[in-house]
PDB file of N, CA and C in Angstrom:
ATOM      1  N   UNK A   1      15.997   7.022   2.091  1.00  0.00           N
ATOM      2  CA  UNK A   1      15.234   6.007   1.393  1.00  0.00           C
ATOM      3  C   UNK A   1      16.084   5.345   0.688  1.00  0.00           C
ATOM      4  N   UNK A   2      16.951   5.045   0.414  1.00  0.00           N
ATOM      5  CA  UNK A   2      18.119   3.774   0.112  1.00  0.00           C
ATOM      6  C   UNK A   2      18.061   3.213   0.907  1.00  0.00           C
ATOM      7  N   UNK A   3      18.426   3.562   1.653  1.00  0.00           N
ATOM      8  CA  UNK A   3      19.018   2.745   3.194  1.00  0.00           C
ATOM      9  C   UNK A   3      17.390   1.769   3.377  1.00  0.00           C
ATOM     10  N   UNK A   4      16.120   2.596   3.166  1.00  0.00           N
ATOM     11  CA  UNK A   4      15.023   1.824   3.435  1.00  0.00           C
ATOM     12  C   UNK A   4      14.755   0.679   2.252  1.00  0.00           C
ATOM     13  N   UNK A   5      15.326   1.365   0.910  1.00  0.00           N
ATOM     14  CA  UNK A   5      15.458   0.344   0.166  1.00  0.00           C
ATOM     15  C   UNK A   5      16.251  -1.632   0.154  1.00  0.00           C
ATOM     16  N   UNK A   6      17.449  -0.825   0.425  1.00  0.00           N
ATOM     17  CA  UNK A   6      18.425  -2.174   1.343  1.00  0.00           C
ATOM     18  C   UNK A   6      17.961  -2.898   1.845  1.00  0.00           C
ATOM     19  N   UNK A   7      16.363  -1.952   3.080  1.00  0.00           N
ATOM     20  CA  UNK A   7      16.748  -3.751   4.021  1.00  0.00           C
ATOM     21  C   UNK A   7      15.162  -4.062   3.152  1.00  0.00           C
ATOM     22  N   UNK A   8      14.529  -3.570   2.486  1.00  0.00           N
ATOM     23  CA  UNK A   8      13.257  -4.515   1.842  1.00  0.00           C
ATOM     24  C   UNK A   8      13.860  -5.402   0.530  1.00  0.00           C
ATOM     25  N   UNK A   9      15.077  -5.255   0.055  1.00  0.00           N
ATOM     26  CA  UNK A   9      16.032  -5.966  -0.518  1.00  0.00           C
ATOM     27  C   UNK A   9      16.482  -6.796  -0.167  1.00  0.00           C
ATOM     28  N   UNK A  10      17.076  -6.624   1.127  1.00  0.00           N
ATOM     29  CA  UNK A  10      17.321  -8.048   2.042  1.00  0.00           C
ATOM     30  C   UNK A  10      16.710  -9.015   2.489  1.00  0.00           C
ATOM     31  N   UNK A  11      15.092  -8.599   2.469  1.00  0.00           N
ATOM     32  CA  UNK A  11      13.542  -8.736   2.844  1.00  0.00           C
ATOM     33  C   UNK A  11      13.178 -10.466   1.557  1.00  0.00           C
ATOM     34  N   UNK A  12      14.073  -9.749   0.437  1.00  0.00           N
ATOM     35  CA  UNK A  12      13.073 -10.661  -0.774  1.00  0.00           C
ATOM     36  C   UNK A  12      14.267 -11.961  -0.858  1.00  0.00           C
ATOM     37  N   UNK A  13      13.448 -12.969  -1.436  1.00  0.00           N
ATOM     38  CA  UNK A  13      14.259 -14.442  -1.977  1.00  0.00           C
ATOM     39  C   UNK A  13      15.620 -14.135  -2.530  1.00  0.00           C
ATOM     40  N   UNK A  14      16.478 -14.412  -2.564  1.00  0.00           N
ATOM     41  CA  UNK A  14      18.282 -14.259  -3.565  1.00  0.00           C
ATOM     42  C   UNK A  14      17.318 -14.356  -4.966  1.00  0.00           C
ATOM     43  N   UNK A  15      17.795 -14.761  -6.719  1.00  0.00           N
ATOM     44  CA  UNK A  15      17.856 -15.738  -7.543  1.00  0.00           C
ATOM     45  C   UNK A  15      15.967 -14.755  -8.155  1.00  0.00           C
ATOM     46  N   UNK A  16      15.632 -15.832  -8.371  1.00  0.00           N
ATOM     47  CA  UNK A  16      13.784 -15.790  -9.497  1.00  0.00           C
ATOM     48  C   UNK A  16      12.894 -16.425  -7.713  1.00  0.00           C
ATOM     49  N   UNK A  17      11.347 -15.451  -8.098  1.00  0.00           N
ATOM     50  CA  UNK A  17      10.697 -15.909  -7.367  1.00  0.00           C
ATOM     51  C   UNK A  17       9.499 -15.350  -8.071  1.00  0.00           C
ATOM     52  N   UNK A  18       8.401 -15.447  -7.318  1.00  0.00           N
ATOM     53  CA  UNK A  18       6.860 -14.769  -7.680  1.00  0.00           C
ATOM     54  C   UNK A  18       6.550 -14.562  -6.735  1.00  0.00           C
ATOM     55  N   UNK A  19       5.745 -13.355  -6.902  1.00  0.00           N
ATOM     56  CA  UNK A  19       4.383 -12.954  -5.429  1.00  0.00           C
ATOM     57  C   UNK A  19       2.922 -11.933  -6.478  1.00  0.00           C
ATOM     58  N   UNK A  20       3.162 -11.447  -5.210  1.00  0.00           N
ATOM     59  CA  UNK A  20       1.779 -10.088  -5.926  1.00  0.00           C
ATOM     60  C   UNK A  20       2.063  -9.020  -5.209  1.00  0.00           C
ATOM     61  N   UNK A  21       1.853  -8.118  -6.493  1.00  0.00           N
ATOM     62  CA  UNK A  21       2.521  -6.506  -6.179  1.00  0.00           C
ATOM     63  C   UNK A  21       1.124  -5.939  -6.806  1.00  0.00           C
ATOM     64  N   UNK A  22       0.142  -5.320  -4.780  1.00  0.00           N
ATOM     65  CA  UNK A  22      -1.325  -4.386  -5.911  1.00  0.00           C
ATOM     66  C   UNK A  22      -2.039  -5.147  -7.042  1.00  0.00           C
ATOM     67  N   UNK A  23      -2.252  -6.475  -6.263  1.00  0.00           N
ATOM     68  CA  UNK A  23      -2.332  -7.864  -6.496  1.00  0.00           C
ATOM     69  C   UNK A  23      -2.655  -8.510  -8.481  1.00  0.00           C
ATOM     70  N   UNK A  24      -1.365  -8.178  -8.505  1.00  0.00           N
ATOM     71  CA  UNK A  24      -0.652  -8.106  -9.884  1.00  0.00           C
ATOM     72  C   UNK A  24      -0.187  -9.518  -9.626  1.00  0.00           C
ATOM     73  N   UNK A  25       0.263  -9.798 -10.321  1.00  0.00           N
ATOM     74  CA  UNK A  25       1.407 -11.601 -10.299  1.00  0.00           C
ATOM     75  C   UNK A  25       2.963 -10.804 -10.922  1.00  0.00           C
ATOM     76  N   UNK A  26       3.516 -10.932 -10.615  1.00  0.00           N
ATOM     77  CA  UNK A  26       4.589 -10.612 -10.475  1.00  0.00           C
ATOM     78  C   UNK A  26       6.229 -11.709 -10.439  1.00  0.00           C
ATOM     79  N   UNK A  27       6.584 -11.525 -11.740  1.00  0.00           N
ATOM     80  CA  UNK A  27       7.429 -11.979 -10.769  1.00  0.00           C
ATOM     81  C   UNK A  27       9.457 -11.931 -10.801  1.00  0.00           C
ATOM     82  N   UNK A  28      10.129 -11.697 -10.005  1.00  0.00           N
ATOM     83  CA  UNK A  28      11.251 -11.180  -9.805  1.00  0.00           C
ATOM     84  C   UNK A  28      12.307 -12.355  -9.548  1.00  0.00           C
ATOM     85  N   UNK A  29      13.440 -10.958 -10.239  1.00  0.00           N
ATOM     86  CA  UNK A  29      14.527 -11.627  -9.485  1.00  0.00           C
ATOM     87  C   UNK A  29      16.108 -11.092  -8.647  1.00  0.00           C
ATOM     88  N   UNK A  30      16.269 -11.204  -8.450  1.00  0.00           N
ATOM     89  CA  UNK A  30      17.775 -10.488  -7.416  1.00  0.00           C
ATOM     90  C   UNK A  30      18.312 -11.082  -6.989  1.00  0.00           C
ATOM     91  N   UNK A  31      19.494 -10.611  -7.643  1.00  0.00           N
ATOM     92  CA  UNK A  31      21.045 -10.685  -7.163  1.00  0.00           C
ATOM     93  C   UNK A  31      21.826  -9.952  -5.767  1.00  0.00           C
ATOM     94  N   UNK A  32      22.840 -10.440  -6.018  1.00  0.00           N
ATOM     95  CA  UNK A  32      23.229  -9.879  -4.825  1.00  0.00           C
ATOM     96  C   UNK A  32      25.115 -10.197  -5.019  1.00  0.00           C
ATOM     97  N   UNK A  33      26.032  -9.312  -4.920  1.00  0.00           N
ATOM     98  CA  UNK A  33      27.254 -10.341  -4.799  1.00  0.00           C
ATOM     99  C   UNK A  33      27.864 -10.595  -3.943  1.00  0.00           C
ATOM    100  N   UNK A  34      28.444 -11.224  -3.636  1.00  0.00           N
ATOM    101  CA  UNK A  34      29.370 -12.105  -2.914  1.00  0.00           C
ATOM    102  C   UNK A  34      29.800 -11.265  -1.789  1.00  0.00           C
ATOM    103  N   UNK A  35      30.431 -10.551  -2.322  1.00  0.00           N
ATOM    104  CA  UNK A  35      30.954  -9.285  -1.162  1.00  0.00           C
ATOM    105  C   UNK A  35      29.273  -8.515  -0.092  1.00  0.00           C
ATOM    106  N   UNK A  36      27.984  -8.718  -1.078  1.00  0.00           N
ATOM    107  CA  UNK A  36      27.237  -7.830  -0.476  1.00  0.00           C
ATOM    108  C   UNK A  36      26.444  -6.365  -0.825  1.00  0.00           C
ATOM    109  N   UNK A  37      28.202  -5.999  -1.225  1.00  0.00           N
ATOM    110  CA  UNK A  37      27.640  -4.521  -1.564  1.00  0.00           C
ATOM    111  C   UNK A  37      26.718  -3.862  -2.686  1.00  0.00           C
ATOM    112  N   UNK A  38      26.158  -5.321  -3.954  1.00  0.00           N
ATOM    113  CA  UNK A  38      26.017  -4.548  -5.123  1.00  0.00           C
ATOM    114  C   UNK A  38      24.299  -5.806  -4.423  1.00  0.00           C
ATOM    115  N   UNK A  39      23.786  -4.642  -5.557  1.00  0.00           N
ATOM    116  CA  UNK A  39      22.165  -5.688  -5.589  1.00  0.00           C
ATOM    117  C   UNK A  39      21.051  -5.032  -6.856  1.00  0.00           C
ATOM    118  N   UNK A  40      21.662  -6.289  -7.865  1.00  0.00           N
ATOM    119  CA  UNK A  40      20.139  -5.856  -8.880  1.00  0.00           C
ATOM    120  C   UNK A  40      18.692  -6.515  -9.257  1.00  0.00           C
ATOM    121  N   UNK A  41      17.580  -5.645  -9.665  1.00  0.00           N
ATOM    122  CA  UNK A  41      16.941  -6.133  -9.313  1.00  0.00           C
ATOM    123  C   UNK A  41      15.969  -5.907 -10.181  1.00  0.00           C
ATOM    124  N   UNK A  42      15.736  -7.039 -10.463  1.00  0.00           N
ATOM    125  CA  UNK A  42      14.613  -7.094 -11.802  1.00  0.00           C
ATOM    126  C   UNK A  42      13.014  -7.182 -11.420  1.00  0.00           C
ATOM    127  N   UNK A  43      11.898  -6.942 -12.202  1.00  0.00           N
ATOM    128  CA  UNK A  43      10.615  -7.190 -11.733  1.00  0.00           C
ATOM    129  C   UNK A  43      10.214  -7.377 -13.053  1.00  0.00           C
ATOM    130  N   UNK A  44       9.089  -8.188 -13.454  1.00  0.00           N
ATOM    131  CA  UNK A  44       8.491  -7.718 -14.626  1.00  0.00           C
ATOM    132  C   UNK A  44       6.621  -8.508 -14.155  1.00  0.00           C
ATOM    133  N   UNK A  45       6.316  -7.316 -14.729  1.00  0.00           N
ATOM    134  CA  UNK A  45       4.520  -8.107 -14.565  1.00  0.00           C
ATOM    135  C   UNK A  45       4.498  -9.193 -15.282  1.00  0.00           C
ATOM    136  N   UNK A  46       3.754 -10.373 -14.850  1.00  0.00           N
ATOM    137  CA  UNK A  46       3.574 -11.728 -16.156  1.00  0.00           C
ATOM    138  C   UNK A  46       1.860 -11.852 -16.941  1.00  0.00           C
ATOM    139  N   UNK A  47       0.890 -10.585 -16.590  1.00  0.00           N
ATOM    140  CA  UNK A  47       0.497 -10.266 -17.498  1.00  0.00           C
ATOM    141  C   UNK A  47       0.564  -9.415 -18.206  1.00  0.00           C
ATOM    142  N   UNK A  48       1.952  -9.157 -18.149  1.00  0.00           N
ATOM    143  CA  UNK A  48       2.550  -7.793 -19.172  1.00  0.00           C
ATOM    144  C   UNK A  48       2.072  -6.491 -18.877  1.00  0.00           C
ATOM    145  N   UNK A  49       2.601  -5.509 -19.506  1.00  0.00           N
ATOM    146  CA  UNK A  49       2.265  -3.675 -18.891  1.00  0.00           C
ATOM    147  C   UNK A  49       3.522  -3.340 -17.290  1.00  0.00           C
ATOM    148  N   UNK A  50       4.482  -4.337 -17.129  1.00  0.00           N
ATOM    149  CA  UNK A  50       4.976  -3.290 -16.458  1.00  0.00           C
ATOM    150  C   UNK A  50       6.517  -4.460 -15.821  1.00  0.00           C
ATOM    151  N   UNK A  51       6.859  -3.117 -15.598  1.00  0.00           N
ATOM    152  CA  UNK A  51       8.273  -3.914 -15.095  1.00  0.00           C
ATOM    153  C   UNK A  51       9.382  -3.194 -13.367  1.00  0.00           C
ATOM    154  N   UNK A  52      10.005  -3.152 -13.392  1.00  0.00           N
ATOM    155  CA  UNK A  52      11.057  -2.802 -12.268  1.00  0.00           C
ATOM    156  C   UNK A  52      11.726  -2.973 -12.433  1.00  0.00           C
ATOM    157  N   UNK A  53      13.319  -2.138 -11.754  1.00  0.00           N
ATOM    158  CA  UNK A  53      14.868  -2.890 -12.191  1.00  0.00           C
ATOM    159  C   UNK A  53      15.152  -1.522 -11.344  1.00  0.00           C
ATOM    160  N   UNK A  54      16.708  -2.196 -11.377  1.00  0.00           N
ATOM    161  CA  UNK A  54      17.463  -1.638 -10.839  1.00  0.00           C
ATOM    162  C   UNK A  54      18.700  -1.310 -10.351  1.00  0.00           C
ATOM    163  N   UNK A  55      19.382  -1.145  -9.441  1.00  0.00           N
ATOM    164  CA  UNK A  55      20.946  -1.957  -8.788  1.00  0.00           C
ATOM    165  C   UNK A  55      20.750  -0.582  -7.575  1.00  0.00           C
ATOM    166  N   UNK A  56      21.581  -1.867  -6.437  1.00  0.00           N
ATOM    167  CA  UNK A  56      21.605  -0.530  -5.082  1.00  0.00           C
ATOM    168  C   UNK A  56      23.257  -1.184  -4.919  1.00  0.00           C
ATOM    169  N   UNK A  57      23.680  -0.030  -4.471  1.00  0.00           N
ATOM    170  CA  UNK A  57      25.076  -0.129  -4.005  1.00  0.00           C
ATOM    171  C   UNK A  57      25.477  -0.471  -2.912  1.00  0.00           C
ATOM    172  N   UNK A  58      26.293  -0.519  -1.468  1.00  0.00           N
ATOM    173  CA  UNK A  58      26.126  -0.415  -0.656  1.00  0.00           C
ATOM    174  C   UNK A  58      27.214   0.696  -0.080  1.00  0.00           C
ATOM    175  N   UNK A  59      27.573   1.623  -0.191  1.00  0.00           N
ATOM    176  CA  UNK A  59      28.789   2.449  -0.037  1.00  0.00           C
ATOM    177  C   UNK A  59      29.862   2.208   1.313  1.00  0.00           C
ATOM    178  N   UNK A  60      30.427   2.793   1.093  1.00  0.00           N
ATOM    179  CA  UNK A  60      31.562   2.981   2.798  1.00  0.00           C
ATOM    180  C   UNK A  60      30.438   3.652   4.016  1.00  0.00           C
ATOM    181  N   UNK A  61      30.859   3.110   4.871  1.00  0.00           N
ATOM    182  CA  UNK A  61      30.035   2.856   6.230  1.00  0.00           C
ATOM    183  C   UNK A  61      28.487   2.776   6.480  1.00  0.00           C
ATOM    184  N   UNK A  62      28.175   1.718   5.424  1.00  0.00           N
ATOM    185  CA  UNK A  62      27.071   1.081   5.227  1.00  0.00           C
ATOM    186  C   UNK A  62      26.048   1.486   4.433  1.00  0.00           C
ATOM    187  N   UNK A  63      26.178   3.611   4.074  1.00  0.00           N
ATOM    188  CA  UNK A  63      25.041   4.190   3.494  1.00  0.00           C
ATOM    189  C   UNK A  63      24.781   3.026   2.020  1.00  0.00           C
ATOM    190  N   UNK A  64      23.255   3.027   1.838  1.00  0.00           N
ATOM    191  CA  UNK A  64      23.017   2.333   0.319  1.00  0.00           C
ATOM    192  C   UNK A  64      22.905   3.775  -0.758  1.00  0.00           C
ATOM    193  N   UNK A  65      23.249   3.167  -1.659  1.00  0.00           N
ATOM    194  CA  UNK A  65      22.070   3.924  -2.847  1.00  0.00           C
ATOM    195  C   UNK A  65      21.998   3.152  -4.444  1.00  0.00           C
ATOM    196  N   UNK A  66      20.811   3.970  -4.361  1.00  0.00           N
ATOM    197  CA  UNK A  66      20.051   3.251  -5.199  1.00  0.00           C
ATOM    198  C   UNK A  66      19.841   4.261  -6.826  1.00  0.00           C
ATOM    199  N   UNK A  67      20.418   3.222  -8.070  1.00  0.00           N
ATOM    200  CA  UNK A  67      20.409   3.395  -8.853  1.00  0.00           C
ATOM    201  C   UNK A  67      19.159   3.223  -9.110  1.00  0.00           C
ATOM    202  N   UNK A  68      18.400   3.286  -9.861  1.00  0.00           N
ATOM    203  CA  UNK A  68      17.258   3.039 -10.771  1.00  0.00           C
ATOM    204  C   UNK A  68      17.133   2.867 -12.248  1.00  0.00           C
ATOM    205  N   UNK A  69      16.916   2.037 -12.705  1.00  0.00           N
ATOM    206  CA  UNK A  69      16.842   1.542 -14.589  1.00  0.00           C
ATOM    207  C   UNK A  69      16.125   2.903 -15.451  1.00  0.00           C
ATOM    208  N   UNK A  70      15.950   3.664 -15.564  1.00  0.00           N
ATOM    209  CA  UNK A  70      15.117   4.471 -16.251  1.00  0.00           C
ATOM    210  C   UNK A  70      14.353   4.495 -15.953  1.00  0.00           C
ATOM    211  N   UNK A  71      13.993   4.776 -14.683  1.00  0.00           N
ATOM    212  CA  UNK A  71      12.045   5.121 -13.656  1.00  0.00           C
ATOM    213  C   UNK A  71      12.863   5.552 -12.813  1.00  0.00           C
ATOM    214  N   UNK A  72      12.053   6.783 -11.945  1.00  0.00           N
ATOM    215  CA  UNK A  72      12.370   7.243 -10.874  1.00  0.00           C
ATOM    216  C   UNK A  72      12.164   6.002  -9.161  1.00  0.00           C
ATOM    217  N   UNK A  73      13.766   7.183  -9.002  1.00  0.00           N
ATOM    218  CA  UNK A  73      14.051   6.137  -7.683  1.00  0.00           C
ATOM    219  C   UNK A  73      11.985   5.585  -6.578  1.00  0.00           C
ATOM    220  N   UNK A  74      11.045   6.518  -6.270  1.00  0.00           N
ATOM    221  CA  UNK A  74      10.402   5.911  -5.726  1.00  0.00           C
ATOM    222  C   UNK A  74      10.033   5.487  -6.406  1.00  0.00           C
ATOM    223  N   UNK A  75      10.211   4.448  -8.197  1.00  0.00           N
ATOM    224  CA  UNK A  75       9.002   3.879  -8.518  1.00  0.00           C
ATOM    225  C   UNK A  75       9.142   2.759  -7.844  1.00  0.00           C
ATOM    226  N   UNK A  76      11.045   2.300  -8.419  1.00  0.00           N
ATOM    227  CA  UNK A  76      11.338   0.873  -7.371  1.00  0.00           C
ATOM    228  C   UNK A  76      11.172   0.372  -6.061  1.00  0.00           C
ATOM    229  N   UNK A  77      10.901   2.074  -4.644  1.00  0.00           N
ATOM    230  CA  UNK A  77      10.332   2.588  -3.791  1.00  0.00           C
ATOM    231  C   UNK A  77       8.895   1.616  -3.939  1.00  0.00           C
ATOM    232  N   UNK A  78       8.359   2.080  -4.311  1.00  0.00           N
ATOM    233  CA  UNK A  78       6.609   1.666  -4.489  1.00  0.00           C
ATOM    234  C   UNK A  78       6.819  -0.026  -4.535  1.00  0.00           C
ATOM    235  N   UNK A  79       7.162  -0.163  -5.438  1.00  0.00           N
ATOM    236  CA  UNK A  79       7.303  -1.810  -5.669  1.00  0.00           C
ATOM    237  C   UNK A  79       7.899  -2.345  -4.371  1.00  0.00           C
ATOM    238  N   UNK A  80       8.993  -2.547  -4.285  1.00  0.00           N
ATOM    239  CA  UNK A  80       9.396  -2.858  -2.317  1.00  0.00           C
ATOM    240  C   UNK A  80       9.318  -2.651  -1.754  1.00  0.00           C
ATOM    241  N   UNK A  81       8.606  -1.926  -1.505  1.00  0.00           N
ATOM    242  CA  UNK A  81       7.107  -1.373  -0.012  1.00  0.00           C
ATOM    243  C   UNK A  81       5.636  -2.349  -0.784  1.00  0.00           C
ATOM    244  N   UNK A  82       5.054  -3.041  -2.255  1.00  0.00           N
ATOM    245  CA  UNK A  82       4.232  -3.448  -1.890  1.00  0.00           C
ATOM    246  C   UNK A  82       4.471  -4.696  -2.173  1.00  0.00           C
ATOM    247  N   UNK A  83       5.815  -5.613  -2.977  1.00  0.00           N
ATOM    248  CA  UNK A  83       5.522  -6.631  -3.536  1.00  0.00           C
ATOM    249  C   UNK A  83       5.817  -7.670  -2.691  1.00  0.00           C
ATOM    250  N   UNK A  84       4.920  -8.702  -2.509  1.00  0.00           N
ATOM    251  CA  UNK A  84       5.136 -10.331  -1.472  1.00  0.00           C
ATOM    252  C   UNK A  84       5.122 -11.682  -2.309  1.00  0.00           C
ATOM    253  N   UNK A  85       6.356 -12.102  -1.681  1.00  0.00           N
ATOM    254  CA  UNK A  85       6.985 -13.217  -2.744  1.00  0.00           C
ATOM    255  C   UNK A  85       5.933 -14.412  -2.064  1.00  0.00           C
ATOM    256  N   UNK A  86       6.066 -15.088  -2.730  1.00  0.00           N
ATOM    257  CA  UNK A  86       5.278 -16.529  -2.626  1.00  0.00           C
ATOM    258  C   UNK A  86       5.648 -17.586  -1.468  1.00  0.00           C
ATOM    259  N   UNK A  87       6.928 -17.015  -1.516  1.00  0.00           N
ATOM    260  CA  UNK A  87       8.142 -17.921  -0.385  1.00  0.00           C
ATOM    261  C   UNK A  87       8.915 -16.852  -0.152  1.00  0.00           C
ATOM    262  N   UNK A  88       9.258 -17.508   1.396  1.00  0.00           N
ATOM    263  CA  UNK A  88      10.000 -16.522   1.975  1.00  0.00           C
ATOM    264  C   UNK A  88      11.510 -16.048   1.420  1.00  0.00           C
ATOM    265  N   UNK A  89      12.396 -15.444   2.062  1.00  0.00           N
ATOM    266  CA  UNK A  89      13.622 -15.312   1.978  1.00  0.00           C
ATOM    267  C   UNK A  89      14.143 -16.812   2.732  1.00  0.00           C
ATOM    268  N   UNK A  90      15.515 -17.028   2.139  1.00  0.00           N
ATOM    269  CA  UNK A  90      16.162 -17.844   3.311  1.00  0.00           C
ATOM    270  C   UNK A  90      17.763 -17.355   3.804  1.00  0.00           C
ATOM    271  N   UNK A  91      17.463 -17.538   5.330  1.00  0.00           N
ATOM    272  CA  UNK A  91      18.916 -17.026   6.088  1.00  0.00           C
ATOM    273  C   UNK A  91      19.654 -17.047   5.843  1.00  0.00           C
TER     274      UNK A  91
END
């Protein structure tokens, strides 16, 4: 399940972007450490009323560990599965 989160995060633009999640506009910031072993996610509904956040760590062997911030991991994964940024990620 957390390996899925790594693939989903890697498909998002690094830095700030806006996009759609289930018909609502969201602002999302994704940061990645220089070595690619730590990812940070913060998303906020632009109309208010919701946010999503978490850290993802890439462990030895490439396995990923998702650590959501004060919410269930499934909440973060559900967001990542449905968020569509306005701009594609830069390779």
